[in-house]
PDB file of N, CA and C in Angstrom:
ATOM      1  N   MET A   1     172.431  71.379 -35.502  1.00  0.00           N
ATOM      2  CA  MET A   1     171.258  72.159 -35.506  1.00  0.00           C
ATOM      3  C   MET A   1     170.337  71.740 -36.688  1.00  0.00           C
ATOM      4  N   LEU A   2     170.988  71.165 -37.695  1.00  0.00           N
ATOM      5  CA  LEU A   2     170.261  70.716 -39.070  1.00  0.00           C
ATOM      6  C   LEU A   2     169.274  69.396 -38.437  1.00  0.00           C
ATOM      7  N   ILE A   3     170.022  68.690 -37.717  1.00  0.00           N
ATOM      8  CA  ILE A   3     169.157  67.432 -37.252  1.00  0.00           C
ATOM      9  C   ILE A   3     167.981  67.830 -36.357  1.00  0.00           C
ATOM     10  N   ALA A   4     168.256  69.023 -35.410  1.00  0.00           N
ATOM     11  CA  ALA A   4     167.085  69.488 -34.649  1.00  0.00           C
ATOM     12  C   ALA A   4     165.977  70.115 -35.278  1.00  0.00           C
ATOM     13  N   ALA A   5     166.238  70.480 -36.531  1.00  0.00           N
ATOM     14  CA  ALA A   5     165.103  71.042 -37.346  1.00  0.00           C
ATOM     15  C   ALA A   5     164.330  70.091 -38.045  1.00  0.00           C
ATOM     16  N   ILE A   6     164.699  68.844 -38.118  1.00  0.00           N
ATOM     17  CA  ILE A   6     164.099  67.806 -38.933  1.00  0.00           C
ATOM     18  C   ILE A   6     162.565  67.664 -38.407  1.00  0.00           C
ATOM     19  N   PRO A   7     162.332  67.774 -36.942  1.00  0.00           N
ATOM     20  CA  PRO A   7     160.799  67.613 -36.611  1.00  0.00           C
ATOM     21  C   PRO A   7     159.740  68.630 -36.962  1.00  0.00           C
ATOM     22  N   PHE A   8     160.541  69.847 -37.242  1.00  0.00           N
ATOM     23  CA  PHE A   8     159.717  70.958 -37.575  1.00  0.00           C
ATOM     24  C   PHE A   8     159.737  71.148 -39.226  1.00  0.00           C
ATOM     25  N   VAL A   9     160.775  70.989 -39.886  1.00  0.00           N
ATOM     26  CA  VAL A   9     160.736  70.977 -41.321  1.00  0.00           C
ATOM     27  C   VAL A   9     159.879  69.884 -41.995  1.00  0.00           C
ATOM     28  N   GLY A  10     160.085  68.544 -41.393  1.00  0.00           N
ATOM     29  CA  GLY A  10     159.319  67.420 -42.196  1.00  0.00           C
ATOM     30  C   GLY A  10     157.986  67.722 -42.282  1.00  0.00           C
ATOM     31  N   PRO A  11     157.077  67.977 -41.312  1.00  0.00           N
ATOM     32  CA  PRO A  11     155.624  68.161 -41.475  1.00  0.00           C
ATOM     33  C   PRO A  11     155.401  69.336 -42.439  1.00  0.00           C
ATOM     34  N   VAL A  12     156.221  70.366 -42.388  1.00  0.00           N
ATOM     35  CA  VAL A  12     155.806  71.461 -43.348  1.00  0.00           C
ATOM     36  C   VAL A  12     156.035  71.173 -44.869  1.00  0.00           C
ATOM     37  N   PHE A  13     157.339  70.206 -44.819  1.00  0.00           N
ATOM     38  CA  PHE A  13     157.445  69.780 -46.326  1.00  0.00           C
ATOM     39  C   PHE A  13     156.448  68.775 -46.805  1.00  0.00           C
ATOM     40  N   PHE A  14     155.928  67.880 -45.993  1.00  0.00           N
ATOM     41  CA  PHE A  14     154.824  67.085 -46.337  1.00  0.00           C
ATOM     42  C   PHE A  14     153.497  67.776 -46.711  1.00  0.00           C
ATOM     43  N   VAL A  15     153.114  68.754 -45.891  1.00  0.00           N
ATOM     44  CA  VAL A  15     152.151  69.571 -46.086  1.00  0.00           C
ATOM     45  C   VAL A  15     151.854  70.433 -47.373  1.00  0.00           C
ATOM     46  N   PHE A  16     153.026  71.059 -47.531  1.00  0.00           N
ATOM     47  CA  PHE A  16     152.924  71.924 -48.656  1.00  0.00           C
ATOM     48  C   PHE A  16     153.695  71.518 -49.908  1.00  0.00           C
ATOM     49  N   ILE A  17     154.581  70.393 -49.906  1.00  0.00           N
ATOM     50  CA  ILE A  17     155.154  69.865 -51.171  1.00  0.00           C
ATOM     51  C   ILE A  17     154.713  68.673 -51.470  1.00  0.00           C
ATOM     52  N   ASP A  18     154.353  67.666 -50.585  1.00  0.00           N
ATOM     53  CA  ASP A  18     153.935  66.230 -50.954  1.00  0.00           C
ATOM     54  C   ASP A  18     152.761  65.891 -50.375  1.00  0.00           C
ATOM     55  N   ALA A  19     151.802  66.682 -50.382  1.00  0.00           N
ATOM     56  CA  ALA A  19     150.529  66.604 -49.813  1.00  0.00           C
ATOM     57  C   ALA A  19     149.612  65.466 -50.563  1.00  0.00           C
ATOM     58  N   PRO A  20     148.923  64.711 -49.978  1.00  0.00           N
ATOM     59  CA  PRO A  20     147.978  63.832 -50.539  1.00  0.00           C
ATOM     60  C   PRO A  20     146.925  64.578 -51.619  1.00  0.00           C
ATOM     61  N   PRO A  21     146.649  63.996 -52.499  1.00  0.00           N
ATOM     62  CA  PRO A  21     145.443  64.712 -53.296  1.00  0.00           C
ATOM     63  C   PRO A  21     144.187  64.739 -52.500  1.00  0.00           C
ATOM     64  N   VAL A  22     143.335  65.798 -52.803  1.00  0.00           N
ATOM     65  CA  VAL A  22     142.186  65.938 -52.123  1.00  0.00           C
ATOM     66  C   VAL A  22     141.091  65.310 -52.768  1.00  0.00           C
ATOM     67  N   LEU A  23     140.255  64.452 -52.152  1.00  0.00           N
ATOM     68  CA  LEU A  23     139.167  63.889 -52.869  1.00  0.00           C
ATOM     69  C   LEU A  23     137.928  64.672 -52.984  1.00  0.00           C
ATOM     70  N   PRO A  24     137.218  64.566 -54.265  1.00  0.00           N
ATOM     71  CA  PRO A  24     135.959  65.284 -54.110  1.00  0.00           C
ATOM     72  C   PRO A  24     135.069  64.959 -52.932  1.00  0.00           C
ATOM     73  N   LEU A  25     134.040  65.766 -52.665  1.00  0.00           N
ATOM     74  CA  LEU A  25     133.029  65.232 -51.460  1.00  0.00           C
ATOM     75  C   LEU A  25     132.352  64.088 -51.785  1.00  0.00           C
ATOM     76  N   SER A  26     132.116  63.792 -52.977  1.00  0.00           N
ATOM     77  CA  SER A  26     131.307  62.456 -53.367  1.00  0.00           C
ATOM     78  C   SER A  26     132.086  61.263 -52.980  1.00  0.00           C
ATOM     79  N   GLU A  27     133.345  61.447 -53.088  1.00  0.00           N
ATOM     80  CA  GLU A  27     134.209  60.290 -52.719  1.00  0.00           C
ATOM     81  C   GLU A  27     134.839  60.212 -51.556  1.00  0.00           C
ATOM     82  N   GLN A  28     134.486  61.207 -50.614  1.00  0.00           N
ATOM     83  CA  GLN A  28     135.181  61.155 -49.212  1.00  0.00           C
ATOM     84  C   GLN A  28     134.251  60.074 -48.407  1.00  0.00           C
ATOM     85  N   ALA A  29     134.766  59.701 -47.125  1.00  0.00           N
ATOM     86  CA  ALA A  29     134.236  58.745 -46.523  1.00  0.00           C
ATOM     87  C   ALA A  29     132.790  59.170 -46.123  1.00  0.00           C
ATOM     88  N   LYS A  30     131.750  58.130 -46.374  1.00  0.00           N
ATOM     89  CA  LYS A  30     130.405  58.251 -46.113  1.00  0.00           C
ATOM     90  C   LYS A  30     130.050  57.637 -44.640  1.00  0.00           C
ATOM     91  N   PRO A  31     128.992  58.209 -44.052  1.00  0.00           N
ATOM     92  CA  PRO A  31     128.593  57.582 -42.930  1.00  0.00           C
ATOM     93  C   PRO A  31     128.042  56.245 -43.229  1.00  0.00           C
ATOM     94  N   PHE A  32     128.226  55.374 -42.214  1.00  0.00           N
ATOM     95  CA  PHE A  32     127.400  54.041 -42.263  1.00  0.00           C
ATOM     96  C   PHE A  32     126.001  54.048 -42.305  1.00  0.00           C
ATOM     97  N   PRO A  33     125.410  53.113 -43.142  1.00  0.00           N
ATOM     98  CA  PRO A  33     123.920  53.248 -42.826  1.00  0.00           C
ATOM     99  C   PRO A  33     123.371  52.795 -41.698  1.00  0.00           C
ATOM    100  N   LYS A  34     122.297  53.090 -41.273  1.00  0.00           N
ATOM    101  CA  LYS A  34     121.629  52.695 -39.957  1.00  0.00           C
ATOM    102  C   LYS A  34     121.444  51.137 -39.971  1.00  0.00           C
ATOM    103  N   GLY A  35     121.801  50.552 -38.757  1.00  0.00           N
ATOM    104  CA  GLY A  35     121.808  49.232 -38.630  1.00  0.00           C
ATOM    105  C   GLY A  35     122.888  48.384 -38.947  1.00  0.00           C
ATOM    106  N   ILE A  36     124.116  49.052 -39.455  1.00  0.00           N
ATOM    107  CA  ILE A  36     125.215  48.238 -39.563  1.00  0.00           C
ATOM    108  C   ILE A  36     126.160  48.704 -38.421  1.00  0.00           C
ATOM    109  N   GLU A  37     126.818  47.621 -37.775  1.00  0.00           N
ATOM    110  CA  GLU A  37     127.494  47.917 -36.504  1.00  0.00           C
ATOM    111  C   GLU A  37     128.860  47.822 -37.117  1.00  0.00           C
ATOM    112  N   VAL A  38     129.776  48.801 -36.573  1.00  0.00           N
ATOM    113  CA  VAL A  38     131.121  48.808 -36.859  1.00  0.00           C
ATOM    114  C   VAL A  38     131.974  47.829 -36.114  1.00  0.00           C
ATOM    115  N   TYR A  39     131.521  47.847 -34.892  1.00  0.00           N
ATOM    116  CA  TYR A  39     132.385  47.090 -33.967  1.00  0.00           C
ATOM    117  C   TYR A  39     131.439  45.773 -33.560  1.00  0.00           C
ATOM    118  N   THR A  40     132.108  44.669 -33.882  1.00  0.00           N
ATOM    119  CA  THR A  40     131.221  43.397 -33.689  1.00  0.00           C
ATOM    120  C   THR A  40     131.534  42.748 -32.431  1.00  0.00           C
ATOM    121  N   GLY A  41     132.662  43.105 -31.716  1.00  0.00           N
ATOM    122  CA  GLY A  41     133.069  42.554 -30.627  1.00  0.00           C
ATOM    123  C   GLY A  41     134.257  41.569 -30.793  1.00  0.00           C
ATOM    124  N   PHE A  42     134.537  40.963 -29.789  1.00  0.00           N
ATOM    125  CA  PHE A  42     135.557  39.802 -29.892  1.00  0.00           C
ATOM    126  C   PHE A  42     135.068  38.290 -29.784  1.00  0.00           C
ATOM    127  N   GLY A  43     133.691  38.297 -29.656  1.00  0.00           N
ATOM    128  CA  GLY A  43     133.073  36.902 -29.639  1.00  0.00           C
ATOM    129  C   GLY A  43     133.501  35.939 -30.539  1.00  0.00           C
ATOM    130  N   ALA A  44     133.641  36.314 -31.834  1.00  0.00           N
ATOM    131  CA  ALA A  44     134.083  35.321 -32.783  1.00  0.00           C
ATOM    132  C   ALA A  44     135.333  34.993 -32.626  1.00  0.00           C
ATOM    133  N   LEU A  45     136.322  35.757 -32.247  1.00  0.00           N
ATOM    134  CA  LEU A  45     137.656  35.652 -32.104  1.00  0.00           C
ATOM    135  C   LEU A  45     137.987  34.804 -31.025  1.00  0.00           C
ATOM    136  N   ILE A  46     137.225  35.032 -29.793  1.00  0.00           N
ATOM    137  CA  ILE A  46     137.440  34.295 -28.643  1.00  0.00           C
ATOM    138  C   ILE A  46     136.916  32.639 -28.821  1.00  0.00           C
ATOM    139  N   ASP A  47     135.998  32.445 -29.723  1.00  0.00           N
ATOM    140  CA  ASP A  47     135.284  31.227 -29.828  1.00  0.00           C
ATOM    141  C   ASP A  47     136.375  30.418 -30.626  1.00  0.00           C
ATOM    142  N   ALA A  48     136.865  31.270 -31.762  1.00  0.00           N
ATOM    143  CA  ALA A  48     137.925  30.445 -32.742  1.00  0.00           C
ATOM    144  C   ALA A  48     139.208  30.139 -31.674  1.00  0.00           C
ATOM    145  N   LEU A  49     139.744  30.964 -30.911  1.00  0.00           N
ATOM    146  CA  LEU A  49     140.691  30.399 -30.102  1.00  0.00           C
ATOM    147  C   LEU A  49     140.444  29.334 -29.268  1.00  0.00           C
ATOM    148  N   LYS A  50     139.189  29.371 -28.577  1.00  0.00           N
ATOM    149  CA  LYS A  50     138.845  28.209 -27.768  1.00  0.00           C
ATOM    150  C   LYS A  50     139.061  27.044 -28.644  1.00  0.00           C
ATOM    151  N   ARG A  51     138.363  27.036 -29.804  1.00  0.00           N
ATOM    152  CA  ARG A  51     138.251  25.780 -30.556  1.00  0.00           C
ATOM    153  C   ARG A  51     139.778  25.308 -30.804  1.00  0.00           C
ATOM    154  N   PHE A  52     140.582  26.368 -31.346  1.00  0.00           N
ATOM    155  CA  PHE A  52     142.037  25.982 -31.663  1.00  0.00           C
ATOM    156  C   PHE A  52     142.814  25.527 -30.537  1.00  0.00           C
ATOM    157  N   PHE A  53     142.570  26.033 -29.390  1.00  0.00           N
ATOM    158  CA  PHE A  53     143.382  25.629 -28.169  1.00  0.00           C
ATOM    159  C   PHE A  53     142.900  24.396 -27.364  1.00  0.00           C
ATOM    160  N   SER A  54     141.637  24.032 -27.711  1.00  0.00           N
ATOM    161  CA  SER A  54     140.952  22.802 -26.964  1.00  0.00           C
ATOM    162  C   SER A  54     141.241  21.518 -27.487  1.00  0.00           C
TER     163      SER A  54
END
């Protein structure tokens, strides 16, 4: 019964006992500026693999 309670007690323990510190709003994740691409694609990786295995 104690082992069955671990999935329920663990998250409660984490949230209320060992929660990470809350960052101030000024330090939280900021949106990316316009014109910056987050996903650049796999083109560079594929080209590097082609050169490596050729």
